[in-house]
Amino acid sequence: MVDANEQEVAAMRAAGDIAGQYIEAVGRSDMATWSAEDWRGFIEAICGAYVDSLVEQQIAINTAVARVQGLPFAASAGR
């Protein structure tokens, strides 16, 4: 990723944390021994955590902007 912004860096940190948890759950840190299923789960965990973090950040930003503008905002909108 070229010139990641603040939100993307935070999402990468969240994905990294989840990646570590996934590796611990698999119980084998030697990725060469992983099955195709292990790898799919790893990629799903990382990508899911990254996207979830970006979505959560955007909801927080939208909520803050709505408050400043005095507009109603439902946190679950768009989910």
PDB file of N, CA and C in Angstrom:
ATOM      1  N   MET A   1       0.851  -1.166   0.000  1.00  0.00           N
ATOM      2  CA  MET A   1       0.000   0.000   0.000  1.00  0.00           C
ATOM      3  C   MET A   1       0.894   1.225   0.000  1.00  0.00           C
ATOM      4  N   VAL A   2       0.620   2.142  -0.870  1.00  0.00           N
ATOM      5  CA  VAL A   2       1.409   3.360  -0.974  1.00  0.00           C
ATOM      6  C   VAL A   2       0.794   4.426  -0.083  1.00  0.00           C
ATOM      7  N   ASP A   3       1.637   5.026   0.763  1.00  0.00           N
ATOM      8  CA  ASP A   3       1.210   6.136   1.611  1.00  0.00           C
ATOM      9  C   ASP A   3      -0.112   5.871   2.334  1.00  0.00           C
ATOM     10  N   ALA A   4      -0.118   4.859   3.163  1.00  0.00           N
ATOM     11  CA  ALA A   4      -1.322   4.540   3.934  1.00  0.00           C
ATOM     12  C   ALA A   4      -1.700   5.718   4.819  1.00  0.00           C
ATOM     13  N   ASN A   5      -2.996   5.999   4.904  1.00  0.00           N
ATOM     14  CA  ASN A   5      -3.440   7.087   5.771  1.00  0.00           C
ATOM     15  C   ASN A   5      -3.612   6.558   7.202  1.00  0.00           C
ATOM     16  N   GLU A   6      -3.966   7.456   8.109  1.00  0.00           N
ATOM     17  CA  GLU A   6      -4.114   7.119   9.528  1.00  0.00           C
ATOM     18  C   GLU A   6      -5.098   5.964   9.760  1.00  0.00           C
ATOM     19  N   GLN A   7      -6.215   6.021   9.060  1.00  0.00           N
ATOM     20  CA  GLN A   7      -7.237   4.996   9.225  1.00  0.00           C
ATOM     21  C   GLN A   7      -6.751   3.639   8.707  1.00  0.00           C
ATOM     22  N   GLU A   8      -6.059   3.663   7.593  1.00  0.00           N
ATOM     23  CA  GLU A   8      -5.541   2.409   7.036  1.00  0.00           C
ATOM     24  C   GLU A   8      -4.475   1.789   7.936  1.00  0.00           C
ATOM     25  N   VAL A   9      -3.626   2.629   8.509  1.00  0.00           N
ATOM     26  CA  VAL A   9      -2.596   2.126   9.430  1.00  0.00           C
ATOM     27  C   VAL A   9      -3.257   1.494  10.657  1.00  0.00           C
ATOM     28  N   ALA A  10      -4.288   2.151  11.184  1.00  0.00           N
ATOM     29  CA  ALA A  10      -5.009   1.597  12.334  1.00  0.00           C
ATOM     30  C   ALA A  10      -5.665   0.269  11.958  1.00  0.00           C
ATOM     31  N   ALA A  11      -6.218   0.188  10.759  1.00  0.00           N
ATOM     32  CA  ALA A  11      -6.852  -1.052  10.296  1.00  0.00           C
ATOM     33  C   ALA A  11      -5.807  -2.158  10.127  1.00  0.00           C
ATOM     34  N   MET A  12      -4.618  -1.803   9.664  1.00  0.00           N
ATOM     35  CA  MET A  12      -3.545  -2.791   9.536  1.00  0.00           C
ATOM     36  C   MET A  12      -3.113  -3.307  10.907  1.00  0.00           C
ATOM     37  N   ARG A  13      -3.066  -2.422  11.889  1.00  0.00           N
ATOM     38  CA  ARG A  13      -2.731  -2.862  13.255  1.00  0.00           C
ATOM     39  C   ARG A  13      -3.780  -3.852  13.767  1.00  0.00           C
ATOM     40  N   ALA A  14      -5.039  -3.524  13.554  1.00  0.00           N
ATOM     41  CA  ALA A  14      -6.120  -4.424  13.985  1.00  0.00           C
ATOM     42  C   ALA A  14      -6.007  -5.772  13.277  1.00  0.00           C
ATOM     43  N   ALA A  15      -5.725  -5.740  11.976  1.00  0.00           N
ATOM     44  CA  ALA A  15      -5.582  -6.981  11.215  1.00  0.00           C
ATOM     45  C   ALA A  15      -4.374  -7.773  11.701  1.00  0.00           C
ATOM     46  N   GLY A  16      -3.300  -7.080  12.052  1.00  0.00           N
ATOM     47  CA  GLY A  16      -2.111  -7.755  12.574  1.00  0.00           C
ATOM     48  C   GLY A  16      -2.388  -8.456  13.890  1.00  0.00           C
ATOM     49  N   ASP A  17      -3.154  -7.789  14.746  1.00  0.00           N
ATOM     50  CA  ASP A  17      -3.527  -8.415  16.023  1.00  0.00           C
ATOM     51  C   ASP A  17      -4.326  -9.700  15.785  1.00  0.00           C
ATOM     52  N   ILE A  18      -5.279  -9.622  14.882  1.00  0.00           N
ATOM     53  CA  ILE A  18      -6.100 -10.790  14.564  1.00  0.00           C
ATOM     54  C   ILE A  18      -5.243 -11.887  13.936  1.00  0.00           C
ATOM     55  N   ALA A  19      -4.288 -11.508  13.104  1.00  0.00           N
ATOM     56  CA  ALA A  19      -3.399 -12.489  12.478  1.00  0.00           C
ATOM     57  C   ALA A  19      -2.638 -13.271  13.549  1.00  0.00           C
ATOM     58  N   GLY A  20      -2.125 -12.560  14.545  1.00  0.00           N
ATOM     59  CA  GLY A  20      -1.412 -13.224  15.639  1.00  0.00           C
ATOM     60  C   GLY A  20      -2.310 -14.171  16.404  1.00  0.00           C
ATOM     61  N   GLN A  21      -3.539 -13.744  16.665  1.00  0.00           N
ATOM     62  CA  GLN A  21      -4.484 -14.598  17.370  1.00  0.00           C
ATOM     63  C   GLN A  21      -4.815 -15.846  16.546  1.00  0.00           C
ATOM     64  N   TYR A  22      -4.939 -15.662  15.244  1.00  0.00           N
ATOM     65  CA  TYR A  22      -5.246 -16.794  14.373  1.00  0.00           C
ATOM     66  C   TYR A  22      -4.099 -17.804  14.395  1.00  0.00           C
ATOM     67  N   ILE A  23      -2.881 -17.315  14.280  1.00  0.00           N
ATOM     68  CA  ILE A  23      -1.712 -18.204  14.288  1.00  0.00           C
ATOM     69  C   ILE A  23      -1.653 -18.987  15.595  1.00  0.00           C
ATOM     70  N   GLU A  24      -1.915 -18.303  16.705  1.00  0.00           N
ATOM     71  CA  GLU A  24      -1.940 -19.000  17.997  1.00  0.00           C
ATOM     72  C   GLU A  24      -3.029 -20.068  18.023  1.00  0.00           C
ATOM     73  N   ALA A  25      -4.188 -19.750  17.446  1.00  0.00           N
ATOM     74  CA  ALA A  25      -5.300 -20.704  17.442  1.00  0.00           C
ATOM     75  C   ALA A  25      -4.986 -21.933  16.579  1.00  0.00           C
ATOM     76  N   VAL A  26      -4.282 -21.724  15.466  1.00  0.00           N
ATOM     77  CA  VAL A  26      -3.898 -22.844  14.604  1.00  0.00           C
ATOM     78  C   VAL A  26      -2.901 -23.739  15.343  1.00  0.00           C
ATOM     79  N   GLY A  27      -2.055 -23.107  16.142  1.00  0.00           N
ATOM     80  CA  GLY A  27      -1.107 -23.877  16.938  1.00  0.00           C
ATOM     81  C   GLY A  27       0.172 -24.255  16.215  1.00  0.00           C
ATOM     82  N   ARG A  28       0.334 -23.749  15.010  1.00  0.00           N
ATOM     83  CA  ARG A  28       1.557 -24.005  14.247  1.00  0.00           C
ATOM     84  C   ARG A  28       2.010 -22.700  13.609  1.00  0.00           C
ATOM     85  N   SER A  29       3.176 -22.212  14.014  1.00  0.00           N
ATOM     86  CA  SER A  29       3.660 -20.955  13.445  1.00  0.00           C
ATOM     87  C   SER A  29       4.415 -21.167  12.130  1.00  0.00           C
ATOM     88  N   ASP A  30       4.742 -22.410  11.812  1.00  0.00           N
ATOM     89  CA  ASP A  30       5.384 -22.709  10.533  1.00  0.00           C
ATOM     90  C   ASP A  30       4.304 -22.772   9.460  1.00  0.00           C
ATOM     91  N   MET A  31       4.137 -21.681   8.749  1.00  0.00           N
ATOM     92  CA  MET A  31       3.057 -21.580   7.767  1.00  0.00           C
ATOM     93  C   MET A  31       3.223 -22.564   6.617  1.00  0.00           C
ATOM     94  N   ALA A  32       4.416 -23.090   6.426  1.00  0.00           N
ATOM     95  CA  ALA A  32       4.637 -24.081   5.370  1.00  0.00           C
ATOM     96  C   ALA A  32       3.870 -25.368   5.657  1.00  0.00           C
ATOM     97  N   THR A  33       3.483 -25.571   6.910  1.00  0.00           N
ATOM     98  CA  THR A  33       2.745 -26.789   7.288  1.00  0.00           C
ATOM     99  C   THR A  33       1.236 -26.593   7.250  1.00  0.00           C
ATOM    100  N   TRP A  34       0.794 -25.398   6.932  1.00  0.00           N
ATOM    101  CA  TRP A  34      -0.635 -25.110   6.949  1.00  0.00           C
ATOM    102  C   TRP A  34      -1.355 -25.756   5.768  1.00  0.00           C
ATOM    103  N   SER A  35      -2.583 -26.137   6.035  1.00  0.00           N
ATOM    104  CA  SER A  35      -3.446 -26.672   4.982  1.00  0.00           C
ATOM    105  C   SER A  35      -4.067 -25.502   4.209  1.00  0.00           C
ATOM    106  N   ALA A  36      -4.715 -25.835   3.104  1.00  0.00           N
ATOM    107  CA  ALA A  36      -5.432 -24.809   2.338  1.00  0.00           C
ATOM    108  C   ALA A  36      -6.510 -24.158   3.205  1.00  0.00           C
ATOM    109  N   GLU A  37      -7.154 -24.959   4.046  1.00  0.00           N
ATOM    110  CA  GLU A  37      -8.185 -24.432   4.950  1.00  0.00           C
ATOM    111  C   GLU A  37      -7.592 -23.454   5.965  1.00  0.00           C
ATOM    112  N   ASP A  38      -6.415 -23.787   6.509  1.00  0.00           N
ATOM    113  CA  ASP A  38      -5.736 -22.876   7.435  1.00  0.00           C
ATOM    114  C   ASP A  38      -5.454 -21.538   6.754  1.00  0.00           C
ATOM    115  N   TRP A  39      -4.955 -21.607   5.523  1.00  0.00           N
ATOM    116  CA  TRP A  39      -4.624 -20.382   4.790  1.00  0.00           C
ATOM    117  C   TRP A  39      -5.866 -19.553   4.482  1.00  0.00           C
ATOM    118  N   ARG A  40      -6.937 -20.213   4.072  1.00  0.00           N
ATOM    119  CA  ARG A  40      -8.192 -19.483   3.803  1.00  0.00           C
ATOM    120  C   ARG A  40      -8.668 -18.769   5.057  1.00  0.00           C
ATOM    121  N   GLY A  41      -8.638 -19.476   6.181  1.00  0.00           N
ATOM    122  CA  GLY A  41      -9.062 -18.865   7.436  1.00  0.00           C
ATOM    123  C   GLY A  41      -8.197 -17.690   7.820  1.00  0.00           C
ATOM    124  N   PHE A  42      -6.890 -17.817   7.584  1.00  0.00           N
ATOM    125  CA  PHE A  42      -5.949 -16.739   7.890  1.00  0.00           C
ATOM    126  C   PHE A  42      -6.260 -15.492   7.059  1.00  0.00           C
ATOM    127  N   ILE A  43      -6.430 -15.683   5.765  1.00  0.00           N
ATOM    128  CA  ILE A  43      -6.728 -14.552   4.878  1.00  0.00           C
ATOM    129  C   ILE A  43      -8.074 -13.934   5.229  1.00  0.00           C
ATOM    130  N   GLU A  44      -9.077 -14.770   5.495  1.00  0.00           N
ATOM    131  CA  GLU A  44     -10.393 -14.246   5.880  1.00  0.00           C
ATOM    132  C   GLU A  44     -10.303 -13.449   7.173  1.00  0.00           C
ATOM    133  N   ALA A  45      -9.531 -13.939   8.132  1.00  0.00           N
ATOM    134  CA  ALA A  45      -9.385 -13.236   9.419  1.00  0.00           C
ATOM    135  C   ALA A  45      -8.727 -11.883   9.224  1.00  0.00           C
ATOM    136  N   ILE A  46      -7.646 -11.844   8.451  1.00  0.00           N
ATOM    137  CA  ILE A  46      -6.930 -10.585   8.232  1.00  0.00           C
ATOM    138  C   ILE A  46      -7.793  -9.591   7.456  1.00  0.00           C
ATOM    139  N   CYS A  47      -8.328 -10.046   6.331  1.00  0.00           N
ATOM    140  CA  CYS A  47      -9.135  -9.137   5.500  1.00  0.00           C
ATOM    141  C   CYS A  47     -10.379  -8.664   6.235  1.00  0.00           C
ATOM    142  N   GLY A  48     -11.016  -9.579   6.945  1.00  0.00           N
ATOM    143  CA  GLY A  48     -12.206  -9.212   7.709  1.00  0.00           C
ATOM    144  C   GLY A  48     -11.900  -8.185   8.780  1.00  0.00           C
ATOM    145  N   ALA A  49     -10.807  -8.380   9.509  1.00  0.00           N
ATOM    146  CA  ALA A  49     -10.436  -7.432  10.564  1.00  0.00           C
ATOM    147  C   ALA A  49     -10.097  -6.070   9.974  1.00  0.00           C
ATOM    148  N   TYR A  50      -9.416  -6.054   8.834  1.00  0.00           N
ATOM    149  CA  TYR A  50      -9.055  -4.801   8.174  1.00  0.00           C
ATOM    150  C   TYR A  50     -10.308  -4.028   7.761  1.00  0.00           C
ATOM    151  N   VAL A  51     -11.201  -4.713   7.072  1.00  0.00           N
ATOM    152  CA  VAL A  51     -12.430  -4.067   6.607  1.00  0.00           C
ATOM    153  C   VAL A  51     -13.309  -3.653   7.787  1.00  0.00           C
ATOM    154  N   ASP A  52     -13.462  -4.528   8.780  1.00  0.00           N
ATOM    155  CA  ASP A  52     -14.271  -4.186   9.955  1.00  0.00           C
ATOM    156  C   ASP A  52     -13.737  -2.941  10.645  1.00  0.00           C
ATOM    157  N   SER A  53     -12.420  -2.839  10.754  1.00  0.00           N
ATOM    158  CA  SER A  53     -11.821  -1.667  11.388  1.00  0.00           C
ATOM    159  C   SER A  53     -12.121  -0.401  10.596  1.00  0.00           C
ATOM    160  N   LEU A  54     -11.988  -0.468   9.274  1.00  0.00           N
ATOM    161  CA  LEU A  54     -12.296   0.708   8.451  1.00  0.00           C
ATOM    162  C   LEU A  54     -13.760   1.110   8.580  1.00  0.00           C
ATOM    163  N   VAL A  55     -14.656   0.128   8.596  1.00  0.00           N
ATOM    164  CA  VAL A  55     -16.090   0.413   8.733  1.00  0.00           C
ATOM    165  C   VAL A  55     -16.373   1.061  10.085  1.00  0.00           C
ATOM    166  N   GLU A  56     -15.806   0.489  11.145  1.00  0.00           N
ATOM    167  CA  GLU A  56     -16.018   1.048  12.490  1.00  0.00           C
ATOM    168  C   GLU A  56     -15.491   2.484  12.576  1.00  0.00           C
ATOM    169  N   GLN A  57     -14.343   2.722  11.969  1.00  0.00           N
ATOM    170  CA  GLN A  57     -13.792   4.071  11.979  1.00  0.00           C
ATOM    171  C   GLN A  57     -14.691   5.039  11.207  1.00  0.00           C
ATOM    172  N   GLN A  58     -15.206   4.592  10.074  1.00  0.00           N
ATOM    173  CA  GLN A  58     -16.075   5.461   9.279  1.00  0.00           C
ATOM    174  C   GLN A  58     -17.369   5.766  10.016  1.00  0.00           C
ATOM    175  N   ILE A  59     -17.915   4.783  10.701  1.00  0.00           N
ATOM    176  CA  ILE A  59     -19.126   5.019  11.498  1.00  0.00           C
ATOM    177  C   ILE A  59     -18.839   6.058  12.578  1.00  0.00           C
ATOM    178  N   ALA A  60     -17.693   5.938  13.244  1.00  0.00           N
ATOM    179  CA  ALA A  60     -17.328   6.899  14.285  1.00  0.00           C
ATOM    180  C   ALA A  60     -17.175   8.303  13.697  1.00  0.00           C
ATOM    181  N   ILE A  61     -16.556   8.387  12.523  1.00  0.00           N
ATOM    182  CA  ILE A  61     -16.393   9.692  11.868  1.00  0.00           C
ATOM    183  C   ILE A  61     -17.751  10.258  11.484  1.00  0.00           C
ATOM    184  N   ASN A  62     -18.603   9.446  10.875  1.00  0.00           N
ATOM    185  CA  ASN A  62     -19.938   9.913  10.473  1.00  0.00           C
ATOM    186  C   ASN A  62     -20.751  10.368  11.669  1.00  0.00           C
ATOM    187  N   THR A  63     -20.658   9.633  12.771  1.00  0.00           N
ATOM    188  CA  THR A  63     -21.385   9.993  13.983  1.00  0.00           C
ATOM    189  C   THR A  63     -20.891  11.322  14.532  1.00  0.00           C
ATOM    190  N   ALA A  64     -19.583  11.508  14.558  1.00  0.00           N
ATOM    191  CA  ALA A  64     -19.011  12.767  15.055  1.00  0.00           C
ATOM    192  C   ALA A  64     -19.422  13.943  14.181  1.00  0.00           C
ATOM    193  N   VAL A  65     -19.385  13.757  12.876  1.00  0.00           N
ATOM    194  CA  VAL A  65     -19.778  14.827  11.952  1.00  0.00           C
ATOM    195  C   VAL A  65     -21.257  15.158  12.137  1.00  0.00           C
ATOM    196  N   ALA A  66     -22.085  14.139  12.267  1.00  0.00           N
ATOM    197  CA  ALA A  66     -23.521  14.366  12.461  1.00  0.00           C
ATOM    198  C   ALA A  66     -23.777  15.144  13.749  1.00  0.00           C
ATOM    199  N   ARG A  67     -23.048  14.806  14.806  1.00  0.00           N
ATOM    200  CA  ARG A  67     -23.215  15.527  16.077  1.00  0.00           C
ATOM    201  C   ARG A  67     -22.837  16.993  15.934  1.00  0.00           C
ATOM    202  N   VAL A  68     -21.725  17.243  15.266  1.00  0.00           N
ATOM    203  CA  VAL A  68     -21.263  18.625  15.074  1.00  0.00           C
ATOM    204  C   VAL A  68     -22.271  19.404  14.239  1.00  0.00           C
ATOM    205  N   GLN A  69     -22.835  18.745  13.252  1.00  0.00           N
ATOM    206  CA  GLN A  69     -23.804  19.400  12.371  1.00  0.00           C
ATOM    207  C   GLN A  69     -25.210  19.397  12.952  1.00  0.00           C
ATOM    208  N   GLY A  70     -25.388  18.729  14.075  1.00  0.00           N
ATOM    209  CA  GLY A  70     -26.704  18.668  14.702  1.00  0.00           C
ATOM    210  C   GLY A  70     -27.691  17.785  13.965  1.00  0.00           C
ATOM    211  N   LEU A  71     -27.191  16.796  13.252  1.00  0.00           N
ATOM    212  CA  LEU A  71     -28.040  15.909  12.475  1.00  0.00           C
ATOM    213  C   LEU A  71     -28.201  14.580  13.199  1.00  0.00           C
ATOM    214  N   PRO A  72     -29.352  13.943  13.016  1.00  0.00           N
ATOM    215  CA  PRO A  72     -29.490  12.603  13.596  1.00  0.00           C
ATOM    216  C   PRO A  72     -28.656  11.619  12.779  1.00  0.00           C
ATOM    217  N   PHE A  73     -28.094  10.653  13.449  1.00  0.00           N
ATOM    218  CA  PHE A  73     -27.319   9.621  12.763  1.00  0.00           C
ATOM    219  C   PHE A  73     -27.481   8.311  13.486  1.00  0.00           C
ATOM    220  N   ALA A  74     -27.898   7.308  12.747  1.00  0.00           N
ATOM    221  CA  ALA A  74     -28.044   5.962  13.320  1.00  0.00           C
ATOM    222  C   ALA A  74     -26.749   5.211  13.064  1.00  0.00           C
ATOM    223  N   ALA A  75     -26.098   4.747  14.132  1.00  0.00           N
ATOM    224  CA  ALA A  75     -24.813   4.048  14.000  1.00  0.00           C
ATOM    225  C   ALA A  75     -24.920   2.789  13.166  1.00  0.00           C
ATOM    226  N   SER A  76     -26.094   2.210  13.098  1.00  0.00           N
ATOM    227  CA  SER A  76     -26.248   0.961  12.343  1.00  0.00           C
ATOM    228  C   SER A  76     -26.600   1.233  10.876  1.00  0.00           C
ATOM    229  N   ALA A  77     -26.725   2.487  10.493  1.00  0.00           N
ATOM    230  CA  ALA A  77     -27.083   2.790   9.101  1.00  0.00           C
ATOM    231  C   ALA A  77     -26.017   2.267   8.163  1.00  0.00           C
ATOM    232  N   GLY A  78     -26.459   1.646   7.089  1.00  0.00           N
ATOM    233  CA  GLY A  78     -25.543   1.138   6.080  1.00  0.00           C
ATOM    234  C   GLY A  78     -24.942  -0.201   6.419  1.00  0.00           C
ATOM    235  N   ARG A  79     -25.307  -0.785   7.545  1.00  0.00           N
ATOM    236  CA  ARG A  79     -24.746  -2.086   7.907  1.00  0.00           C
ATOM    237  C   ARG A  79     -25.736  -3.162   7.667  1.00  0.00           C
TER     238      ARG A  79
END
